[in-house]
Amino acid sequence: MTLIGYARVSTGDQSLDPQVDRLREVGCEQVFSDHASGKLARRPQLDAALAYLRKGDILVITKLDRLGRSVRNLVELADILAEREIDLRVLDQGIDTSTIGGKLVFHIFSAIAEFERGLISERTHDGLAAARARGKKGGRRPVLSEMQRAEARRMHESKQYTVQQIADALHCSPATIYRAMERASA
């Protein structure tokens, strides 16, 4: 029986260190970690951990939401582990699928975790809708002002400047210039 850890954070500004430290403290011989949203289907280090695990091993995570994207995904992963005779241990929720009670608690907490993600998403959508109703626009501010976009179009139409030269003159990327030209022609 070997303990194999998996840690995941959603954004680049979050640190894996607390999860990795806890996994090492409980005796994980190997720890795999991803910097990826739980919504993403591709988590290369989770795939590597699953490939590394052998019959009789235990996959250890700190929290249930670090492993799966949805209840369906968590249950699928748990089924894959069970078929391969690999158990799952979730430290914060005290889940250990080597016991029947642990299997029950796993399914209950999976449903609660998905419900919580749904509530967060719903609140975010409500907040964005309320901001739009007050006339606020979301998203990133434009890199170029309207005057700069007009200047870029003028320079481009003169055929005297390359896109790179226009971008350098306006202190932006060539992609920004291409987008400005695309919007102008639309």
N, C-alpha and C. Protein backbone atom coordinates (compact mmCIF):
# COMPACT_ATOMS: atom_id res chain seq x y z
N MET A 1 0.85 -1.18 0.00
CA MET A 1 0.00 0.00 0.00
C MET A 1 0.89 1.24 0.00
N THR A 2 0.81 2.00 -1.10
CA THR A 2 1.59 3.22 -1.24
C THR A 2 0.64 4.41 -1.30
N LEU A 3 0.97 5.46 -0.58
CA LEU A 3 0.17 6.69 -0.63
C LEU A 3 0.72 7.58 -1.73
N ILE A 4 -0.15 7.96 -2.66
CA ILE A 4 0.21 8.83 -3.77
C ILE A 4 -0.67 10.07 -3.66
N GLY A 5 -0.06 11.24 -3.66
CA GLY A 5 -0.81 12.48 -3.49
C GLY A 5 -1.10 13.19 -4.79
N TYR A 6 -2.20 13.95 -4.78
CA TYR A 6 -2.53 14.83 -5.91
C TYR A 6 -2.99 16.17 -5.36
N ALA A 7 -2.39 17.24 -5.88
CA ALA A 7 -2.75 18.60 -5.47
C ALA A 7 -3.10 19.40 -6.72
N ARG A 8 -4.03 20.36 -6.57
CA ARG A 8 -4.40 21.20 -7.70
C ARG A 8 -4.82 22.57 -7.19
N VAL A 9 -4.36 23.60 -7.90
CA VAL A 9 -4.87 24.95 -7.68
C VAL A 9 -5.43 25.44 -9.01
N SER A 10 -6.40 26.36 -8.92
CA SER A 10 -7.11 26.80 -10.12
C SER A 10 -6.40 27.91 -10.87
N THR A 11 -5.71 28.78 -10.14
CA THR A 11 -5.10 29.94 -10.79
C THR A 11 -3.62 30.01 -10.47
N GLY A 12 -2.91 30.76 -11.29
CA GLY A 12 -1.46 30.89 -11.15
C GLY A 12 -1.04 31.61 -9.89
N ASP A 13 -1.93 32.44 -9.31
CA ASP A 13 -1.54 33.18 -8.12
C ASP A 13 -1.78 32.39 -6.83
N GLN A 14 -2.36 31.20 -6.95
CA GLN A 14 -2.54 30.34 -5.78
C GLN A 14 -1.30 29.45 -5.62
N SER A 15 -1.02 29.08 -4.38
CA SER A 15 0.15 28.27 -4.11
C SER A 15 -0.24 26.81 -3.83
N LEU A 16 0.54 25.92 -4.42
CA LEU A 16 0.35 24.49 -4.18
C LEU A 16 0.99 24.05 -2.86
N ASP A 17 1.86 24.87 -2.30
CA ASP A 17 2.66 24.48 -1.14
C ASP A 17 1.84 23.93 0.04
N PRO A 18 0.75 24.59 0.47
CA PRO A 18 0.02 24.02 1.61
C PRO A 18 -0.50 22.60 1.35
N GLN A 19 -1.02 22.38 0.15
CA GLN A 19 -1.53 21.03 -0.18
C GLN A 19 -0.38 20.03 -0.23
N VAL A 20 0.69 20.38 -0.92
CA VAL A 20 1.83 19.47 -1.06
C VAL A 20 2.42 19.15 0.31
N ASP A 21 2.56 20.17 1.17
CA ASP A 21 3.09 19.95 2.52
C ASP A 21 2.23 18.95 3.29
N ARG A 22 0.91 19.13 3.25
CA ARG A 22 0.02 18.20 3.97
C ARG A 22 0.12 16.79 3.43
N LEU A 23 0.19 16.68 2.10
CA LEU A 23 0.28 15.34 1.49
C LEU A 23 1.58 14.65 1.89
N ARG A 24 2.66 15.40 1.94
CA ARG A 24 3.95 14.83 2.37
C ARG A 24 3.89 14.44 3.86
N GLU A 25 3.23 15.28 4.68
CA GLU A 25 3.12 15.00 6.13
C GLU A 25 2.41 13.68 6.41
N VAL A 26 1.40 13.34 5.60
CA VAL A 26 0.67 12.09 5.84
C VAL A 26 1.37 10.88 5.23
N GLY A 27 2.51 11.12 4.55
CA GLY A 27 3.31 10.00 4.08
C GLY A 27 3.23 9.69 2.59
N CYS A 28 2.75 10.62 1.80
CA CYS A 28 2.71 10.38 0.36
C CYS A 28 4.13 10.28 -0.18
N GLU A 29 4.41 9.19 -0.87
CA GLU A 29 5.74 8.98 -1.44
C GLU A 29 5.96 9.82 -2.68
N GLN A 30 4.88 10.04 -3.43
CA GLN A 30 4.95 10.82 -4.67
C GLN A 30 3.76 11.76 -4.66
N VAL A 31 3.97 13.02 -5.08
CA VAL A 31 2.88 14.00 -5.16
C VAL A 31 2.87 14.58 -6.57
N PHE A 32 1.72 14.49 -7.20
CA PHE A 32 1.50 15.07 -8.53
C PHE A 32 0.69 16.34 -8.34
N SER A 33 0.96 17.38 -9.13
CA SER A 33 0.23 18.63 -8.94
C SER A 33 -0.02 19.35 -10.25
N ASP A 34 -1.20 19.97 -10.35
CA ASP A 34 -1.61 20.72 -11.54
C ASP A 34 -1.95 22.15 -11.17
N HIS A 35 -1.68 23.06 -12.10
CA HIS A 35 -2.18 24.44 -12.07
C HIS A 35 -3.23 24.49 -13.17
N ALA A 36 -4.48 24.16 -12.84
CA ALA A 36 -5.53 24.11 -13.86
C ALA A 36 -6.88 24.22 -13.20
N SER A 37 -7.81 24.81 -13.91
CA SER A 37 -9.18 24.89 -13.43
C SER A 37 -9.75 23.48 -13.34
N GLY A 38 -10.58 23.27 -12.32
CA GLY A 38 -11.25 21.97 -12.19
C GLY A 38 -12.21 21.70 -13.32
N LYS A 39 -12.63 22.75 -14.04
CA LYS A 39 -13.55 22.57 -15.16
C LYS A 39 -12.86 21.94 -16.36
N LEU A 40 -11.55 22.09 -16.44
CA LEU A 40 -10.82 21.58 -17.59
C LEU A 40 -10.77 20.06 -17.58
N ALA A 41 -11.01 19.50 -18.72
CA ALA A 41 -10.93 18.03 -18.82
C ALA A 41 -9.48 17.57 -18.76
N ARG A 42 -8.56 18.40 -19.25
CA ARG A 42 -7.15 18.02 -19.30
C ARG A 42 -6.43 18.52 -18.06
N ARG A 43 -6.04 17.59 -17.23
CA ARG A 43 -5.17 17.89 -16.10
C ARG A 43 -4.05 16.86 -16.17
N PRO A 44 -2.93 17.24 -16.82
CA PRO A 44 -1.88 16.27 -17.14
C PRO A 44 -1.31 15.55 -15.93
N GLN A 45 -1.17 16.25 -14.82
CA GLN A 45 -0.58 15.59 -13.65
C GLN A 45 -1.57 14.63 -12.98
N LEU A 46 -2.86 14.90 -13.08
CA LEU A 46 -3.84 13.93 -12.58
C LEU A 46 -3.76 12.67 -13.44
N ASP A 47 -3.66 12.86 -14.76
CA ASP A 47 -3.50 11.71 -15.65
C ASP A 47 -2.24 10.93 -15.30
N ALA A 48 -1.15 11.65 -15.01
CA ALA A 48 0.11 10.98 -14.63
C ALA A 48 -0.05 10.23 -13.32
N ALA A 49 -0.76 10.83 -12.36
CA ALA A 49 -0.98 10.16 -11.06
C ALA A 49 -1.79 8.88 -11.27
N LEU A 50 -2.84 8.97 -12.08
CA LEU A 50 -3.68 7.79 -12.33
C LEU A 50 -2.87 6.69 -13.03
N ALA A 51 -1.97 7.08 -13.92
CA ALA A 51 -1.13 6.08 -14.60
C ALA A 51 -0.12 5.47 -13.63
N TYR A 52 0.32 6.23 -12.65
CA TYR A 52 1.34 5.79 -11.69
C TYR A 52 0.76 4.83 -10.64
N LEU A 53 -0.51 5.03 -10.27
CA LEU A 53 -1.14 4.24 -9.21
C LEU A 53 -1.23 2.75 -9.59
N ARG A 54 -1.00 1.91 -8.60
CA ARG A 54 -1.07 0.46 -8.78
C ARG A 54 -2.10 -0.14 -7.81
N LYS A 55 -2.54 -1.34 -8.08
CA LYS A 55 -3.48 -2.05 -7.22
C LYS A 55 -3.00 -2.00 -5.77
N GLY A 56 -3.92 -1.61 -4.87
CA GLY A 56 -3.58 -1.54 -3.46
C GLY A 56 -3.10 -0.17 -3.00
N ASP A 57 -2.78 0.73 -3.93
CA ASP A 57 -2.34 2.08 -3.57
C ASP A 57 -3.53 2.91 -3.10
N ILE A 58 -3.21 4.05 -2.50
CA ILE A 58 -4.24 4.99 -2.06
C ILE A 58 -3.92 6.35 -2.64
N LEU A 59 -4.90 6.94 -3.36
CA LEU A 59 -4.77 8.29 -3.87
C LEU A 59 -5.23 9.24 -2.77
N VAL A 60 -4.36 10.17 -2.39
CA VAL A 60 -4.66 11.08 -1.28
C VAL A 60 -4.78 12.50 -1.82
N ILE A 61 -5.86 13.19 -1.45
CA ILE A 61 -6.07 14.59 -1.80
C ILE A 61 -6.45 15.33 -0.53
N THR A 62 -6.29 16.65 -0.53
CA THR A 62 -6.63 17.41 0.68
C THR A 62 -8.11 17.71 0.76
N LYS A 63 -8.73 18.05 -0.38
CA LYS A 63 -10.16 18.37 -0.43
C LYS A 63 -10.77 17.71 -1.66
N LEU A 64 -12.02 17.38 -1.56
CA LEU A 64 -12.72 16.70 -2.64
C LEU A 64 -12.76 17.52 -3.92
N ASP A 65 -12.92 18.83 -3.80
CA ASP A 65 -13.02 19.67 -5.00
C ASP A 65 -11.70 19.80 -5.76
N ARG A 66 -10.60 19.32 -5.17
CA ARG A 66 -9.31 19.34 -5.87
C ARG A 66 -9.22 18.25 -6.92
N LEU A 67 -10.11 17.26 -6.82
CA LEU A 67 -10.03 16.10 -7.71
C LEU A 67 -10.94 16.20 -8.92
N GLY A 68 -12.21 16.56 -8.73
CA GLY A 68 -13.15 16.45 -9.84
C GLY A 68 -13.86 17.74 -10.18
N ARG A 69 -14.46 17.75 -11.38
CA ARG A 69 -15.15 18.92 -11.89
C ARG A 69 -16.62 18.91 -11.51
N SER A 70 -17.19 17.75 -11.31
CA SER A 70 -18.62 17.62 -11.04
C SER A 70 -18.84 16.32 -10.29
N VAL A 71 -20.06 16.13 -9.81
CA VAL A 71 -20.38 14.88 -9.13
C VAL A 71 -20.14 13.71 -10.09
N ARG A 72 -20.60 13.88 -11.34
CA ARG A 72 -20.42 12.82 -12.33
C ARG A 72 -18.94 12.49 -12.50
N ASN A 73 -18.11 13.54 -12.64
CA ASN A 73 -16.69 13.32 -12.82
C ASN A 73 -16.06 12.65 -11.60
N LEU A 74 -16.43 13.09 -10.41
CA LEU A 74 -15.90 12.48 -9.19
C LEU A 74 -16.30 11.02 -9.09
N VAL A 75 -17.56 10.73 -9.38
CA VAL A 75 -18.03 9.35 -9.31
C VAL A 75 -17.32 8.49 -10.35
N GLU A 76 -17.12 9.04 -11.57
CA GLU A 76 -16.39 8.30 -12.61
C GLU A 76 -14.97 7.98 -12.14
N LEU A 77 -14.30 9.00 -11.57
CA LEU A 77 -12.94 8.77 -11.07
C LEU A 77 -12.93 7.73 -9.95
N ALA A 78 -13.90 7.83 -9.05
CA ALA A 78 -13.98 6.86 -7.95
C ALA A 78 -14.22 5.46 -8.48
N ASP A 79 -15.06 5.35 -9.51
CA ASP A 79 -15.33 4.03 -10.11
C ASP A 79 -14.07 3.47 -10.77
N ILE A 80 -13.33 4.34 -11.48
CA ILE A 80 -12.08 3.90 -12.12
C ILE A 80 -11.11 3.40 -11.06
N LEU A 81 -10.99 4.16 -9.97
CA LEU A 81 -10.10 3.75 -8.88
C LEU A 81 -10.55 2.42 -8.28
N ALA A 82 -11.87 2.28 -8.04
CA ALA A 82 -12.39 1.05 -7.44
C ALA A 82 -12.14 -0.16 -8.34
N GLU A 83 -12.36 0.02 -9.67
CA GLU A 83 -12.10 -1.08 -10.61
C GLU A 83 -10.66 -1.54 -10.55
N ARG A 84 -9.77 -0.59 -10.32
CA ARG A 84 -8.34 -0.90 -10.28
C ARG A 84 -7.88 -1.27 -8.86
N GLU A 85 -8.85 -1.35 -7.92
CA GLU A 85 -8.59 -1.67 -6.51
C GLU A 85 -7.63 -0.66 -5.88
N ILE A 86 -7.93 0.61 -6.13
CA ILE A 86 -7.19 1.74 -5.56
C ILE A 86 -8.18 2.53 -4.73
N ASP A 87 -7.81 2.86 -3.49
CA ASP A 87 -8.70 3.62 -2.63
C ASP A 87 -8.40 5.11 -2.70
N LEU A 88 -9.36 5.90 -2.23
CA LEU A 88 -9.25 7.35 -2.22
C LEU A 88 -9.36 7.84 -0.78
N ARG A 89 -8.45 8.72 -0.40
CA ARG A 89 -8.48 9.32 0.94
C ARG A 89 -8.52 10.84 0.77
N VAL A 90 -9.52 11.48 1.39
CA VAL A 90 -9.68 12.94 1.34
C VAL A 90 -9.46 13.46 2.76
N LEU A 91 -8.37 14.17 2.95
CA LEU A 91 -7.94 14.55 4.29
C LEU A 91 -8.92 15.48 5.00
N ASP A 92 -9.33 16.58 4.38
CA ASP A 92 -10.18 17.57 5.06
C ASP A 92 -11.56 17.03 5.40
N GLN A 93 -12.11 16.17 4.57
CA GLN A 93 -13.44 15.65 4.83
C GLN A 93 -13.43 14.30 5.53
N GLY A 94 -12.27 13.76 5.81
CA GLY A 94 -12.17 12.49 6.51
C GLY A 94 -12.76 11.32 5.73
N ILE A 95 -12.64 11.37 4.42
CA ILE A 95 -13.20 10.30 3.58
C ILE A 95 -12.11 9.28 3.29
N ASP A 96 -12.49 8.02 3.41
CA ASP A 96 -11.57 6.93 3.07
C ASP A 96 -12.42 5.84 2.43
N THR A 97 -12.29 5.69 1.11
CA THR A 97 -13.17 4.75 0.39
C THR A 97 -12.82 3.28 0.63
N SER A 98 -11.87 3.04 1.51
CA SER A 98 -11.60 1.64 1.85
C SER A 98 -12.67 1.12 2.82
N THR A 99 -13.53 2.03 3.31
CA THR A 99 -14.63 1.63 4.19
C THR A 99 -15.96 1.93 3.51
N ILE A 100 -17.00 1.20 3.86
CA ILE A 100 -18.33 1.42 3.26
C ILE A 100 -18.86 2.79 3.66
N GLY A 101 -18.62 3.20 4.91
CA GLY A 101 -19.04 4.53 5.35
C GLY A 101 -18.31 5.62 4.59
N GLY A 102 -17.05 5.40 4.30
CA GLY A 102 -16.27 6.36 3.53
C GLY A 102 -16.81 6.52 2.12
N LYS A 103 -17.29 5.41 1.54
CA LYS A 103 -17.88 5.48 0.20
C LYS A 103 -19.17 6.31 0.21
N LEU A 104 -19.99 6.13 1.25
CA LEU A 104 -21.22 6.90 1.37
C LEU A 104 -20.92 8.38 1.53
N VAL A 105 -20.01 8.70 2.44
CA VAL A 105 -19.65 10.09 2.68
C VAL A 105 -19.07 10.72 1.41
N PHE A 106 -18.28 9.96 0.65
CA PHE A 106 -17.72 10.45 -0.61
C PHE A 106 -18.83 10.94 -1.53
N HIS A 107 -19.86 10.13 -1.72
CA HIS A 107 -20.94 10.50 -2.63
C HIS A 107 -21.73 11.71 -2.11
N ILE A 108 -21.95 11.79 -0.82
CA ILE A 108 -22.67 12.94 -0.25
C ILE A 108 -21.86 14.21 -0.44
N PHE A 109 -20.57 14.18 -0.09
CA PHE A 109 -19.74 15.37 -0.23
C PHE A 109 -19.54 15.77 -1.69
N SER A 110 -19.52 14.81 -2.59
CA SER A 110 -19.41 15.13 -4.02
C SER A 110 -20.60 15.97 -4.46
N ALA A 111 -21.79 15.57 -4.03
CA ALA A 111 -23.01 16.31 -4.39
C ALA A 111 -22.99 17.71 -3.78
N ILE A 112 -22.54 17.83 -2.54
CA ILE A 112 -22.48 19.14 -1.89
C ILE A 112 -21.47 20.04 -2.58
N ALA A 113 -20.33 19.49 -2.96
CA ALA A 113 -19.29 20.28 -3.64
C ALA A 113 -19.81 20.82 -4.97
N GLU A 114 -20.54 20.00 -5.73
CA GLU A 114 -21.09 20.46 -7.00
C GLU A 114 -22.15 21.53 -6.76
N PHE A 115 -22.98 21.34 -5.74
CA PHE A 115 -24.00 22.33 -5.40
C PHE A 115 -23.36 23.67 -5.05
N GLU A 116 -22.29 23.64 -4.28
CA GLU A 116 -21.59 24.87 -3.90
C GLU A 116 -21.00 25.57 -5.13
N ARG A 117 -20.38 24.83 -6.05
CA ARG A 117 -19.86 25.43 -7.28
C ARG A 117 -20.97 26.06 -8.09
N GLY A 118 -22.14 25.41 -8.13
CA GLY A 118 -23.30 25.95 -8.84
C GLY A 118 -23.77 27.26 -8.23
N LEU A 119 -23.79 27.32 -6.90
CA LEU A 119 -24.20 28.55 -6.23
C LEU A 119 -23.23 29.70 -6.52
N ILE A 120 -21.95 29.41 -6.50
CA ILE A 120 -20.94 30.44 -6.80
C ILE A 120 -21.13 30.95 -8.22
N SER A 121 -21.33 30.04 -9.16
CA SER A 121 -21.55 30.42 -10.55
C SER A 121 -22.81 31.27 -10.70
N GLU A 122 -23.86 30.87 -10.03
CA GLU A 122 -25.13 31.60 -10.08
C GLU A 122 -24.97 33.01 -9.52
N ARG A 123 -24.27 33.14 -8.40
CA ARG A 123 -24.04 34.47 -7.80
C ARG A 123 -23.21 35.34 -8.73
N THR A 124 -22.23 34.74 -9.38
CA THR A 124 -21.39 35.50 -10.32
C THR A 124 -22.23 36.02 -11.47
N HIS A 125 -23.07 35.17 -12.05
CA HIS A 125 -23.93 35.58 -13.16
C HIS A 125 -24.91 36.66 -12.72
N ASP A 126 -25.48 36.52 -11.51
CA ASP A 126 -26.40 37.54 -10.99
C ASP A 126 -25.69 38.88 -10.82
N GLY A 127 -24.46 38.85 -10.30
CA GLY A 127 -23.69 40.07 -10.10
C GLY A 127 -23.36 40.75 -11.42
N LEU A 128 -22.99 39.96 -12.44
CA LEU A 128 -22.71 40.53 -13.76
C LEU A 128 -23.96 41.13 -14.39
N ALA A 129 -25.09 40.45 -14.24
CA ALA A 129 -26.35 40.97 -14.79
C ALA A 129 -26.73 42.28 -14.10
N ALA A 130 -26.55 42.35 -12.79
CA ALA A 130 -26.87 43.57 -12.05
C ALA A 130 -25.95 44.71 -12.50
N ALA A 131 -24.68 44.43 -12.72
CA ALA A 131 -23.74 45.45 -13.18
C ALA A 131 -24.13 45.94 -14.58
N ARG A 132 -24.51 45.01 -15.46
CA ARG A 132 -24.94 45.41 -16.81
C ARG A 132 -26.19 46.28 -16.74
N ALA A 133 -27.12 45.94 -15.84
CA ALA A 133 -28.35 46.73 -15.69
C ALA A 133 -28.04 48.15 -15.22
N ARG A 134 -26.94 48.33 -14.51
CA ARG A 134 -26.52 49.67 -14.06
C ARG A 134 -25.65 50.36 -15.10
N GLY A 135 -25.50 49.71 -16.27
CA GLY A 135 -24.76 50.32 -17.36
C GLY A 135 -23.27 50.06 -17.35
N LYS A 136 -22.81 49.16 -16.51
CA LYS A 136 -21.38 48.86 -16.45
C LYS A 136 -21.07 47.73 -17.40
N LYS A 137 -19.95 47.85 -18.07
CA LYS A 137 -19.49 46.80 -18.97
C LYS A 137 -18.38 46.02 -18.29
N GLY A 138 -18.44 44.71 -18.45
CA GLY A 138 -17.39 43.87 -17.89
C GLY A 138 -16.27 43.66 -18.90
N GLY A 139 -15.26 43.03 -18.48
CA GLY A 139 -14.17 42.68 -19.37
C GLY A 139 -13.02 43.67 -19.29
N ARG A 140 -12.03 43.34 -20.06
CA ARG A 140 -10.80 44.13 -20.08
C ARG A 140 -11.02 45.44 -20.84
N ARG A 141 -10.37 46.49 -20.37
CA ARG A 141 -10.45 47.78 -21.05
C ARG A 141 -9.69 47.67 -22.37
N PRO A 142 -10.16 48.40 -23.41
CA PRO A 142 -9.45 48.34 -24.69
C PRO A 142 -8.01 48.85 -24.57
N VAL A 143 -7.11 48.22 -25.29
CA VAL A 143 -5.70 48.62 -25.28
C VAL A 143 -5.54 49.95 -26.00
N LEU A 144 -6.26 50.11 -27.10
CA LEU A 144 -6.16 51.33 -27.90
C LEU A 144 -7.40 52.19 -27.72
N SER A 145 -7.19 53.50 -27.63
CA SER A 145 -8.32 54.42 -27.60
C SER A 145 -8.91 54.52 -29.00
N GLU A 146 -10.07 55.15 -29.12
CA GLU A 146 -10.69 55.33 -30.43
C GLU A 146 -9.76 56.12 -31.35
N MET A 147 -9.09 57.13 -30.78
CA MET A 147 -8.18 57.94 -31.57
C MET A 147 -6.98 57.10 -32.06
N GLN A 148 -6.46 56.24 -31.20
CA GLN A 148 -5.35 55.37 -31.59
C GLN A 148 -5.78 54.37 -32.66
N ARG A 149 -7.01 53.84 -32.54
CA ARG A 149 -7.51 52.92 -33.56
C ARG A 149 -7.63 53.63 -34.91
N ALA A 150 -8.10 54.87 -34.90
CA ALA A 150 -8.21 55.65 -36.14
C ALA A 150 -6.82 55.87 -36.74
N GLU A 151 -5.84 56.18 -35.88
CA GLU A 151 -4.46 56.39 -36.34
C GLU A 151 -3.90 55.09 -36.93
N ALA A 152 -4.18 53.96 -36.29
CA ALA A 152 -3.72 52.67 -36.79
C ALA A 152 -4.33 52.40 -38.17
N ARG A 153 -5.63 52.66 -38.32
CA ARG A 153 -6.28 52.46 -39.62
C ARG A 153 -5.65 53.36 -40.68
N ARG A 154 -5.42 54.63 -40.33
CA ARG A 154 -4.81 55.57 -41.27
C ARG A 154 -3.43 55.09 -41.70
N MET A 155 -2.61 54.65 -40.73
CA MET A 155 -1.26 54.18 -41.04
C MET A 155 -1.31 52.93 -41.92
N HIS A 156 -2.23 52.03 -41.59
CA HIS A 156 -2.34 50.78 -42.33
C HIS A 156 -2.80 51.04 -43.76
N GLU A 157 -3.79 51.91 -43.92
CA GLU A 157 -4.32 52.22 -45.25
C GLU A 157 -3.30 52.95 -46.13
N SER A 158 -2.35 53.66 -45.50
CA SER A 158 -1.34 54.39 -46.27
C SER A 158 -0.35 53.43 -46.94
N LYS A 159 -0.32 52.20 -46.46
CA LYS A 159 0.59 51.15 -46.97
C LYS A 159 2.07 51.53 -46.84
N GLN A 160 2.38 52.50 -45.99
CA GLN A 160 3.77 52.90 -45.76
C GLN A 160 4.38 52.19 -44.55
N TYR A 161 3.53 51.55 -43.74
CA TYR A 161 3.99 50.96 -42.49
C TYR A 161 3.60 49.48 -42.43
N THR A 162 4.46 48.69 -41.83
CA THR A 162 4.11 47.29 -41.57
C THR A 162 3.27 47.26 -40.30
N VAL A 163 2.59 46.17 -40.09
CA VAL A 163 1.80 46.02 -38.87
C VAL A 163 2.71 46.12 -37.65
N GLN A 164 3.89 45.54 -37.73
CA GLN A 164 4.84 45.62 -36.60
C GLN A 164 5.22 47.07 -36.32
N GLN A 165 5.45 47.87 -37.35
CA GLN A 165 5.81 49.28 -37.15
C GLN A 165 4.65 50.05 -36.52
N ILE A 166 3.44 49.76 -36.96
CA ILE A 166 2.26 50.42 -36.38
C ILE A 166 2.15 50.03 -34.90
N ALA A 167 2.32 48.75 -34.61
CA ALA A 167 2.24 48.28 -33.23
C ALA A 167 3.31 48.94 -32.36
N ASP A 168 4.53 49.04 -32.88
CA ASP A 168 5.61 49.69 -32.13
C ASP A 168 5.28 51.16 -31.87
N ALA A 169 4.74 51.84 -32.88
CA ALA A 169 4.41 53.26 -32.72
C ALA A 169 3.30 53.48 -31.69
N LEU A 170 2.38 52.54 -31.60
CA LEU A 170 1.25 52.67 -30.66
C LEU A 170 1.45 51.90 -29.36
N HIS A 171 2.63 51.31 -29.21
CA HIS A 171 3.00 50.58 -27.97
C HIS A 171 2.01 49.46 -27.65
N CYS A 172 1.79 48.62 -28.64
CA CYS A 172 0.91 47.47 -28.43
C CYS A 172 1.44 46.30 -29.26
N SER A 173 0.73 45.22 -29.26
CA SER A 173 1.17 44.04 -30.01
C SER A 173 0.59 44.07 -31.43
N PRO A 174 1.22 43.37 -32.34
CA PRO A 174 0.66 43.26 -33.69
C PRO A 174 -0.75 42.67 -33.68
N ALA A 175 -1.00 41.73 -32.77
CA ALA A 175 -2.34 41.13 -32.69
C ALA A 175 -3.40 42.19 -32.39
N THR A 176 -3.05 43.16 -31.55
CA THR A 176 -3.99 44.25 -31.24
C THR A 176 -4.30 45.05 -32.50
N ILE A 177 -3.29 45.30 -33.31
CA ILE A 177 -3.48 46.04 -34.56
C ILE A 177 -4.37 45.23 -35.51
N TYR A 178 -4.10 43.93 -35.64
CA TYR A 178 -4.93 43.09 -36.50
C TYR A 178 -6.39 43.10 -36.04
N ARG A 179 -6.62 43.02 -34.73
CA ARG A 179 -7.99 43.06 -34.20
C ARG A 179 -8.64 44.41 -34.52
N ALA A 180 -7.89 45.49 -34.38
CA ALA A 180 -8.44 46.82 -34.68
C ALA A 180 -8.81 46.91 -36.16
N MET A 181 -7.99 46.36 -37.04
CA MET A 181 -8.28 46.40 -38.47
C MET A 181 -9.50 45.52 -38.77
N GLU A 182 -9.58 44.39 -38.10
CA GLU A 182 -10.70 43.48 -38.31
C GLU A 182 -12.01 44.14 -37.89
N ARG A 183 -12.00 44.83 -36.74
CA ARG A 183 -13.21 45.52 -36.26
C ARG A 183 -13.58 46.64 -37.20
N ALA A 184 -12.60 47.34 -37.75
CA ALA A 184 -12.87 48.45 -38.65
C ALA A 184 -13.53 47.98 -39.94
N SER A 185 -13.12 46.80 -40.40
CA SER A 185 -13.69 46.29 -41.65
C SER A 185 -15.05 45.63 -41.45
N ALA A 186 -15.39 45.31 -40.22
CA ALA A 186 -16.66 44.62 -39.94
C ALA A 186 -17.84 45.57 -39.92
